[in-house]
Amino acid sequence: MRSRKDFKIYIKSTLIFLPILAISSECILFLFNLIGGTNYLPRDKYNIAKYDPITGTRGYLRKENNYKKAQVILDRHDLVKTPYVSNSKNNKNTKGILFIGSSVAMGFRLKSKENKNTISGVLETEIRKSRKDIDIVNLSFYPFSSWMVHAELMRYLNSYKNHADLPEPKLIINVGAVQDFWKLVFSLQLRNEESIKDYKIANGYMLDVDLINYVNNAVKGSQGNLIVSTKSYLLSTYEFWRKYTYIGDFIEQIRENSYVRRVKASKKREENLQVVNNSTLEELLAKNFNINFEDYERIRNDNILSIIRNIKASIGAYDSVNYIYVYAPTKFSSLENNNLNEIIRPGKNISLNLREVSLLEKDFRIKLIKELAKENSIKVLDYSDLANPQSWFKDYSHFNEFGSKEIAKKLLFDIKEFI
């Protein structure tokens, strides 16, 4: 009897103590974040984009007035705000420049009023000093690959005539490469998985595989599949805990830091054994992806053909509009003075150091630009070696304010003949 009574007391105490501990921990972490100036949720490092049936993702889960610390401000169309907004009711001669790409073109991590410090913000401000008839519309969003760029351009073509603040396009500037390069890396990792071979997945070259599976599961759940519904509920609960609680964020930071330390230690051991130093592309592929160079070339070429198809499809739809493709610089497109052992994690279960990413990216870039140069309808601007990796970037691909201004300055000069 005594042991049963003690057990009941233990259960009751636990049920009382655990909620008190959780609430106390949340309050303490809230105060630390309040003092540190980061007292807002969801944390910006976690996904705050919402699902979009056309491009996969578009817009924030919470609008500007509720998410005051959003680093890139969106307008009423969920497009990146620019300093100037035209109105076709007042001026029918406005020439539109569509500026599109992924988070780099979006201006991720560059917080400024009306996004004026982003590449498109600086470019529009400078152009309008002499050309008041120009209006730049930034269609970019975080994960946009070449397929998503094409889909968004088609949406604009179908929609702009219904809105006075969306001008008729005369020029398209696609600041590309980064997301398509990562898609190549993901293709190497997933090449042997059955899911990627599913016809509906399109070899992973269109929408993200996880996103497609998410939507499929959501539909199954809404149609009465209790197993899928339960899994979705549990996943939703976990994601809420990660994004909207300070305890969840704190534990995620510990896990992330622990993983990075383990990867760095592993890479360091390999360097000491001279496994990584001065490795060739073939050695890198064999070690990190267990693939030979011939199979790699086939996957790389398929990836590049997909990119070019998407660009050519957009050009065909836009008729007489000029199309400029900008290969944006990154930290790994110039290794000078860089920490070559810096770990980059582009996706789940993928960790490469800067030297390894640079080898892959260089091979991808040379082949892509060579193939793009064959297309007379595409003006290619290769900025890959333009940047100083130490003073232009906030991370491995996103520009700081100085880098953004330098890219805009270069673009302003290179696009003069098209505007």
Protein backbone atom coordinates (compact mmCIF):
# COMPACT_ATOMS: atom_id res chain seq x y z
CA MET A 1 0.00 0.00 0.00
CA ARG A 2 2.80 2.34 0.94
CA SER A 3 4.58 1.88 -2.41
CA ARG A 4 1.33 2.45 -4.35
CA LYS A 5 0.65 5.59 -2.32
CA ASP A 6 4.20 6.83 -2.91
CA PHE A 7 3.83 6.14 -6.62
CA LYS A 8 0.64 8.25 -6.76
CA ILE A 9 2.38 11.07 -4.93
CA TYR A 10 5.28 10.84 -7.39
CA ILE A 11 2.94 11.00 -10.40
CA LYS A 12 1.01 13.95 -8.96
CA SER A 13 4.21 15.81 -8.08
CA THR A 14 5.58 15.21 -11.56
CA LEU A 15 2.39 16.46 -13.20
CA ILE A 16 2.58 19.62 -11.09
CA PHE A 17 6.36 20.13 -11.26
CA LEU A 18 6.93 19.69 -15.01
CA PRO A 19 4.50 22.43 -16.14
CA ILE A 20 5.93 24.79 -13.51
CA LEU A 21 9.46 24.00 -14.73
CA ALA A 22 8.48 24.55 -18.39
CA ILE A 23 6.71 27.85 -17.68
CA SER A 24 9.57 29.07 -15.49
CA SER A 25 12.17 28.16 -18.12
CA GLU A 26 10.16 29.91 -20.84
CA CYS A 27 9.86 33.06 -18.70
CA ILE A 28 13.58 33.07 -17.87
CA LEU A 29 14.58 32.62 -21.52
CA PHE A 30 12.08 35.30 -22.52
CA LEU A 31 13.74 37.75 -20.12
CA PHE A 32 17.21 36.90 -21.46
CA ASN A 33 15.99 37.45 -25.02
CA LEU A 34 14.20 40.65 -23.98
CA ILE A 35 17.43 42.03 -22.53
CA GLY A 36 19.34 40.86 -25.60
CA GLY A 37 16.87 42.53 -27.97
CA THR A 38 15.67 39.30 -29.63
CA ASN A 39 12.31 38.95 -27.88
CA TYR A 40 10.18 38.06 -30.89
CA LEU A 41 8.83 34.84 -32.27
CA PRO A 42 8.83 33.00 -34.59
CA ARG A 43 12.60 33.19 -34.73
CA ASP A 44 13.84 34.36 -38.14
CA LYS A 45 16.12 31.34 -38.57
CA TYR A 46 13.08 29.08 -38.91
CA ASN A 47 10.73 28.95 -41.85
CA ILE A 48 8.25 31.85 -41.84
CA ALA A 49 7.15 31.47 -45.45
CA LYS A 50 3.71 30.20 -46.36
CA TYR A 51 2.72 27.59 -48.93
CA ASP A 52 1.85 28.80 -52.42
CA PRO A 53 0.26 26.46 -54.99
CA ILE A 54 2.04 28.08 -57.96
CA THR A 55 5.62 28.60 -56.81
CA GLY A 56 5.71 26.42 -53.69
CA THR A 57 6.24 29.29 -51.24
CA ARG A 58 5.34 32.97 -51.34
CA GLY A 59 4.78 35.49 -48.55
CA TYR A 60 5.07 35.47 -44.77
CA LEU A 61 2.83 33.63 -42.37
CA ARG A 62 2.49 36.95 -40.55
CA LYS A 63 2.19 40.35 -42.19
CA GLU A 64 4.51 43.33 -41.75
CA ASN A 65 2.48 45.02 -39.01
CA ASN A 66 2.58 41.84 -36.91
CA TYR A 67 6.13 40.82 -37.76
CA LYS A 68 8.01 44.04 -37.23
CA LYS A 69 11.44 42.48 -37.29
CA ALA A 70 11.06 40.89 -40.71
CA GLN A 71 14.29 41.70 -42.49
CA VAL A 72 12.70 42.00 -45.91
CA ILE A 73 9.40 43.88 -46.07
CA LEU A 74 6.71 42.65 -48.45
CA ASP A 75 3.94 44.68 -50.12
CA ARG A 76 0.24 43.91 -50.50
CA HIS A 77 1.00 41.36 -53.25
CA ASP A 78 3.55 39.60 -51.02
CA LEU A 79 6.27 40.97 -53.32
CA VAL A 80 9.48 42.57 -52.04
CA LYS A 81 8.86 46.27 -51.45
CA THR A 82 10.95 48.73 -53.45
CA PRO A 83 11.44 52.46 -52.76
CA TYR A 84 9.18 53.54 -55.65
CA VAL A 85 5.75 52.25 -56.64
CA SER A 86 4.23 53.35 -59.95
CA ASN A 87 0.56 53.88 -60.78
CA SER A 88 -0.57 53.15 -64.32
CA LYS A 89 -3.69 55.27 -63.79
CA ASN A 90 -1.50 58.35 -63.52
CA ASN A 91 1.35 57.35 -65.84
CA LYS A 92 0.78 54.84 -68.63
CA ASN A 93 4.35 55.14 -69.96
CA THR A 94 6.04 53.44 -67.00
CA LYS A 95 8.57 50.78 -68.00
CA GLY A 96 8.77 47.84 -65.65
CA ILE A 97 11.94 45.94 -64.73
CA LEU A 98 11.22 42.56 -63.18
CA PHE A 99 13.94 41.68 -60.69
CA ILE A 100 13.79 38.06 -59.60
CA GLY A 101 15.78 35.35 -57.89
CA SER A 102 16.10 33.70 -54.49
CA SER A 103 16.95 35.13 -51.07
CA VAL A 104 20.06 36.82 -52.50
CA ALA A 105 17.96 38.88 -54.95
CA MET A 106 15.34 39.36 -52.26
CA GLY A 107 17.87 41.06 -49.99
CA PHE A 108 17.74 38.58 -47.12
CA ARG A 109 19.42 39.85 -43.91
CA LEU A 110 19.47 43.46 -45.18
CA LYS A 111 16.99 45.27 -42.97
CA SER A 112 16.25 48.80 -44.21
CA LYS A 113 13.31 51.15 -44.70
CA GLU A 114 11.41 50.20 -47.87
CA ASN A 115 14.24 47.68 -48.50
CA LYS A 116 16.31 50.56 -49.90
CA ASN A 117 19.62 48.81 -49.13
CA THR A 118 18.80 45.68 -51.14
CA ILE A 119 20.20 45.31 -54.65
CA SER A 120 16.84 46.15 -56.24
CA GLY A 121 16.33 49.07 -53.85
CA VAL A 122 19.71 50.62 -54.63
CA LEU A 123 19.33 49.93 -58.36
CA GLU A 124 15.88 51.52 -58.56
CA THR A 125 16.99 54.59 -56.60
CA GLU A 126 19.98 55.14 -58.88
CA ILE A 127 18.10 54.51 -62.14
CA ARG A 128 15.30 56.91 -61.23
CA LYS A 129 17.74 59.76 -60.75
CA SER A 130 17.79 60.03 -64.55
CA ARG A 131 14.87 57.81 -65.64
CA LYS A 132 11.60 58.67 -63.89
CA ASP A 133 9.72 56.26 -66.16
CA ILE A 134 11.37 53.17 -64.64
CA ASP A 135 9.77 51.06 -61.91
CA ILE A 136 11.49 47.93 -60.55
CA VAL A 137 9.26 45.13 -59.26
CA ASN A 138 11.08 42.58 -57.12
CA LEU A 139 9.43 39.15 -57.54
CA SER A 140 12.13 37.26 -55.60
CA PHE A 141 11.53 34.89 -52.70
CA TYR A 142 13.73 32.75 -50.47
CA PRO A 143 13.94 29.31 -52.12
CA PHE A 144 13.30 30.28 -55.75
CA SER A 145 15.02 27.96 -58.21
CA SER A 146 14.85 28.42 -61.99
CA TRP A 147 11.49 26.59 -62.12
CA MET A 148 10.00 28.76 -59.36
CA VAL A 149 11.35 31.85 -61.11
CA HIS A 150 9.62 30.77 -64.33
CA ALA A 151 6.35 30.05 -62.50
CA GLU A 152 6.43 33.46 -60.77
CA LEU A 153 7.11 35.23 -64.07
CA MET A 154 4.09 33.49 -65.55
CA ARG A 155 1.97 34.60 -62.60
CA TYR A 156 3.07 38.20 -63.14
CA LEU A 157 2.28 37.99 -66.85
CA ASN A 158 -1.24 36.79 -66.04
CA SER A 159 -1.83 39.27 -63.21
CA TYR A 160 -0.17 42.63 -63.79
CA LYS A 161 -2.90 44.15 -65.96
CA ASN A 162 -5.32 43.89 -63.03
CA HIS A 163 -3.18 46.10 -60.77
CA ALA A 164 -2.23 49.74 -61.27
CA ASP A 165 0.99 49.34 -59.23
CA LEU A 166 2.36 46.54 -61.46
CA PRO A 167 3.87 48.01 -64.65
CA GLU A 168 4.17 46.37 -68.04
CA PRO A 169 7.52 44.52 -68.11
CA LYS A 170 10.26 45.65 -70.49
CA LEU A 171 13.25 43.89 -68.91
CA ILE A 172 13.79 40.80 -66.73
CA ILE A 173 16.84 40.53 -64.47
CA ASN A 174 17.25 37.03 -63.04
CA VAL A 175 19.84 36.95 -60.26
CA GLY A 176 20.28 33.20 -60.31
CA ALA A 177 22.57 30.23 -59.69
CA VAL A 178 22.63 29.67 -55.91
CA GLN A 179 19.40 27.68 -55.50
CA ASP A 180 19.96 25.74 -58.72
CA PHE A 181 23.45 24.85 -57.54
CA TRP A 182 22.01 23.55 -54.27
CA LYS A 183 19.46 21.55 -56.27
CA LEU A 184 22.39 19.86 -57.99
CA VAL A 185 23.88 19.01 -54.59
CA PHE A 186 20.52 17.62 -53.41
CA SER A 187 20.21 15.59 -56.62
CA LEU A 188 23.58 13.98 -55.91
CA GLN A 189 22.47 13.10 -52.40
CA LEU A 190 19.02 11.77 -53.34
CA ARG A 191 19.86 10.08 -56.65
CA ASN A 192 19.39 6.52 -55.32
CA GLU A 193 16.16 7.15 -53.40
CA GLU A 194 13.00 5.75 -54.93
CA SER A 195 10.98 8.85 -54.02
CA ILE A 196 13.01 11.08 -56.36
CA LYS A 197 12.23 8.74 -59.28
CA ASP A 198 8.48 9.19 -58.86
CA TYR A 199 7.06 10.77 -62.04
CA LYS A 200 5.16 13.38 -59.99
CA ILE A 201 8.37 14.57 -58.32
CA ALA A 202 9.93 15.57 -61.70
CA ASN A 203 13.40 14.46 -60.58
CA GLY A 204 13.38 17.20 -57.93
CA TYR A 205 13.93 19.93 -60.54
CA MET A 206 10.62 21.72 -59.96
CA LEU A 207 9.24 22.01 -56.43
CA ASP A 208 11.02 20.76 -53.33
CA VAL A 209 10.38 17.07 -52.66
CA ASP A 210 9.52 17.67 -48.99
CA LEU A 211 7.03 20.36 -49.99
CA ILE A 212 5.30 18.06 -52.49
CA ASN A 213 5.09 15.32 -49.85
CA TYR A 214 3.76 17.81 -47.31
CA VAL A 215 0.93 18.88 -49.62
CA ASN A 216 0.12 15.28 -50.55
CA ASN A 217 -0.08 14.32 -46.86
CA ALA A 218 -2.24 17.36 -46.09
CA VAL A 219 -4.69 16.23 -48.78
CA LYS A 220 -4.69 12.63 -47.48
CA GLY A 221 -5.35 13.88 -43.96
CA SER A 222 -8.26 16.05 -45.09
CA GLN A 223 -9.72 13.00 -46.84
CA GLY A 224 -9.87 10.96 -43.64
CA ASN A 225 -6.51 9.16 -43.43
CA LEU A 226 -6.14 9.04 -39.61
CA ILE A 227 -2.52 7.82 -39.64
CA VAL A 228 -1.38 10.70 -41.86
CA SER A 229 -3.53 13.15 -39.88
CA THR A 230 -1.93 12.04 -36.60
CA LYS A 231 1.59 12.34 -38.04
CA SER A 232 0.77 15.80 -39.41
CA TYR A 233 -0.63 16.86 -36.03
CA LEU A 234 2.47 15.67 -34.19
CA LEU A 235 4.76 17.36 -36.74
CA SER A 236 2.75 20.58 -36.46
CA THR A 237 3.05 20.45 -32.66
CA TYR A 238 6.81 19.93 -32.90
CA GLU A 239 7.24 22.77 -35.41
CA PHE A 240 5.15 25.08 -33.21
CA TRP A 241 7.37 24.21 -30.25
CA ARG A 242 10.51 24.94 -32.30
CA LYS A 243 9.30 28.24 -33.75
CA TYR A 244 7.16 29.78 -31.05
CA THR A 245 8.83 28.84 -27.75
CA TYR A 246 12.14 30.02 -26.34
CA ILE A 247 12.77 26.56 -24.84
CA GLY A 248 12.43 24.98 -28.27
CA ASP A 249 14.73 27.55 -29.81
CA PHE A 250 17.31 27.11 -27.05
CA ILE A 251 17.38 23.32 -27.48
CA GLU A 252 17.59 23.68 -31.27
CA GLN A 253 20.60 25.98 -30.90
CA ILE A 254 22.34 23.43 -28.65
CA ARG A 255 21.66 20.66 -31.20
CA GLU A 256 22.88 22.82 -34.08
CA ASN A 257 26.07 23.89 -32.30
CA SER A 258 26.78 20.31 -31.25
CA TYR A 259 26.36 19.07 -34.83
CA VAL A 260 28.64 21.79 -36.24
CA ARG A 261 31.34 20.98 -33.66
CA ARG A 262 31.21 17.27 -34.57
CA VAL A 263 31.44 18.01 -38.28
CA LYS A 264 34.34 20.41 -37.80
CA ALA A 265 36.19 17.86 -35.70
CA SER A 266 35.63 15.20 -38.37
CA LYS A 267 36.85 17.49 -41.14
CA LYS A 268 39.88 18.45 -39.04
CA ARG A 269 40.81 14.79 -38.53
CA GLU A 270 40.54 14.21 -42.27
CA GLU A 271 42.77 17.20 -42.97
CA ASN A 272 45.37 15.91 -40.55
CA LEU A 273 45.31 12.65 -42.50
CA GLN A 274 45.62 14.68 -45.71
CA VAL A 275 42.36 13.22 -47.04
CA VAL A 276 40.72 16.55 -47.78
CA ASN A 277 43.66 18.77 -48.63
CA ASN A 278 43.98 19.50 -52.35
CA SER A 279 41.40 16.84 -53.19
CA THR A 280 40.19 16.71 -56.78
CA LEU A 281 36.54 16.94 -57.81
CA GLU A 282 36.52 13.19 -58.50
CA GLU A 283 37.82 12.45 -54.99
CA LEU A 284 35.29 14.82 -53.45
CA LEU A 285 32.41 13.15 -55.29
CA ALA A 286 33.53 9.68 -54.27
CA LYS A 287 34.02 10.63 -50.62
CA ASN A 288 30.94 12.78 -50.02
CA PHE A 289 28.40 11.32 -52.46
CA ASN A 290 29.77 7.89 -53.41
CA ILE A 291 29.41 8.69 -57.11
CA ASN A 292 31.81 8.50 -60.04
CA PHE A 293 32.53 11.44 -62.30
CA GLU A 294 30.62 10.06 -65.29
CA ASP A 295 27.38 9.70 -63.31
CA TYR A 296 27.95 13.12 -61.76
CA GLU A 297 28.30 14.72 -65.21
CA ARG A 298 25.01 13.18 -66.31
CA ILE A 299 23.17 14.59 -63.27
CA ARG A 300 24.87 17.98 -63.61
CA ASN A 301 24.01 18.23 -67.32
CA ASP A 302 20.37 17.29 -66.67
CA ASN A 303 20.21 19.97 -63.99
CA ILE A 304 21.62 22.61 -66.33
CA LEU A 305 19.32 21.62 -69.20
CA SER A 306 16.38 22.07 -66.83
CA ILE A 307 17.58 25.57 -65.93
CA ILE A 308 17.93 26.59 -69.58
CA ARG A 309 14.51 25.15 -70.47
CA ASN A 310 12.89 27.23 -67.75
CA ILE A 311 14.64 30.43 -68.88
CA LYS A 312 13.79 29.85 -72.54
CA ALA A 313 10.15 29.17 -71.65
CA SER A 314 9.97 32.51 -69.84
CA ILE A 315 11.57 34.33 -72.76
CA GLY A 316 9.10 32.75 -75.16
CA ALA A 317 6.15 33.86 -73.05
CA TYR A 318 7.39 37.44 -72.63
CA ASP A 319 7.96 37.97 -76.35
CA SER A 320 9.95 41.20 -76.91
CA VAL A 321 11.19 41.58 -73.32
CA ASN A 322 14.98 41.45 -72.81
CA TYR A 323 16.24 38.77 -70.41
CA ILE A 324 19.41 39.17 -68.34
CA TYR A 325 20.82 36.29 -66.30
CA VAL A 326 23.18 37.34 -63.51
CA TYR A 327 25.43 34.69 -61.98
CA ALA A 328 25.79 36.18 -58.52
CA PRO A 329 29.07 35.90 -56.59
CA THR A 330 29.31 33.89 -53.39
CA LYS A 331 31.96 33.30 -50.79
CA PHE A 332 32.74 29.96 -52.38
CA SER A 333 33.20 31.41 -55.88
CA SER A 334 36.33 33.15 -54.55
CA LEU A 335 38.45 31.31 -51.98
CA GLU A 336 41.00 34.10 -51.50
CA ASN A 337 41.58 34.83 -47.80
CA ASN A 338 38.66 32.62 -46.82
CA ASN A 339 38.48 30.10 -44.00
CA LEU A 340 38.54 27.00 -46.19
CA ASN A 341 37.38 24.78 -43.32
CA GLU A 342 34.17 26.73 -42.72
CA ILE A 343 31.28 24.25 -42.68
CA ILE A 344 28.30 24.82 -44.97
CA ARG A 345 25.06 22.92 -44.43
CA PRO A 346 22.71 23.48 -47.40
CA GLY A 347 20.25 20.75 -46.40
CA LYS A 348 19.54 17.69 -44.28
CA ASN A 349 22.51 15.36 -43.80
CA ILE A 350 24.72 17.44 -46.10
CA SER A 351 27.82 19.11 -44.69
CA LEU A 352 30.71 20.31 -46.83
CA ASN A 353 33.54 22.67 -46.11
CA LEU A 354 34.12 25.79 -48.16
CA ARG A 355 36.86 24.21 -50.25
CA GLU A 356 34.61 21.29 -51.23
CA VAL A 357 31.65 23.52 -52.09
CA SER A 358 33.95 25.71 -54.17
CA LEU A 359 35.14 22.73 -56.26
CA LEU A 360 31.57 21.69 -57.02
CA GLU A 361 30.34 25.22 -57.66
CA LYS A 362 33.18 26.03 -60.04
CA ASP A 363 32.46 22.99 -62.20
CA PHE A 364 28.71 23.75 -62.19
CA ARG A 365 29.30 27.45 -63.01
CA ILE A 366 31.68 26.87 -65.92
CA LYS A 367 29.29 24.39 -67.56
CA LEU A 368 26.17 26.51 -66.93
CA ILE A 369 27.64 29.73 -68.29
CA LYS A 370 29.05 27.89 -71.31
CA GLU A 371 25.58 26.52 -72.13
CA LEU A 372 23.82 29.84 -71.46
CA ALA A 373 26.25 31.63 -73.78
CA LYS A 374 24.93 29.52 -76.67
CA GLU A 375 21.50 31.15 -76.30
CA ASN A 376 21.37 34.47 -78.16
CA SER A 377 18.19 35.50 -76.36
CA ILE A 378 19.90 35.48 -72.96
CA LYS A 379 22.32 38.19 -71.86
CA VAL A 380 24.66 36.54 -69.34
CA LEU A 381 26.48 38.59 -66.70
CA ASP A 382 29.04 36.52 -64.81
CA TYR A 383 29.76 38.25 -61.50
CA SER A 384 31.19 35.15 -59.82
CA ASP A 385 34.65 36.62 -59.23
CA LEU A 386 33.47 40.18 -58.62
CA ALA A 387 33.15 40.08 -54.84
CA ASN A 388 35.63 40.39 -52.00
CA PRO A 389 34.59 37.50 -49.75
CA GLN A 390 35.73 39.26 -46.59
CA SER A 391 33.87 42.55 -47.01
CA TRP A 392 30.80 41.84 -49.18
CA PHE A 393 28.95 39.05 -47.36
CA LYS A 394 26.95 38.39 -44.22
CA ASP A 395 27.27 34.64 -44.75
CA TYR A 396 28.34 32.36 -47.63
CA SER A 397 25.95 33.89 -50.21
CA HIS A 398 23.98 36.85 -48.81
CA PHE A 399 25.36 40.35 -49.27
CA ASN A 400 25.85 42.97 -46.61
CA GLU A 401 24.96 46.61 -47.33
CA PHE A 402 28.31 47.31 -48.99
CA GLY A 403 28.16 44.21 -51.21
CA SER A 404 24.59 44.98 -52.20
CA LYS A 405 25.54 48.49 -53.30
CA GLU A 406 28.54 47.24 -55.28
CA ILE A 407 26.43 44.68 -57.17
CA ALA A 408 23.79 47.34 -57.90
CA LYS A 409 26.48 49.71 -59.15
CA LYS A 410 27.85 47.07 -61.52
CA LEU A 411 24.35 46.18 -62.73
CA LEU A 412 23.49 49.83 -63.35
CA PHE A 413 26.39 50.06 -65.77
CA ASP A 414 25.77 46.71 -67.49
CA ILE A 415 22.03 47.14 -68.16
CA LYS A 416 22.15 50.68 -69.59
CA GLU A 417 21.75 49.48 -73.17
CA PHE A 418 18.55 47.60 -72.24
CA ILE A 419 16.71 50.48 -70.56
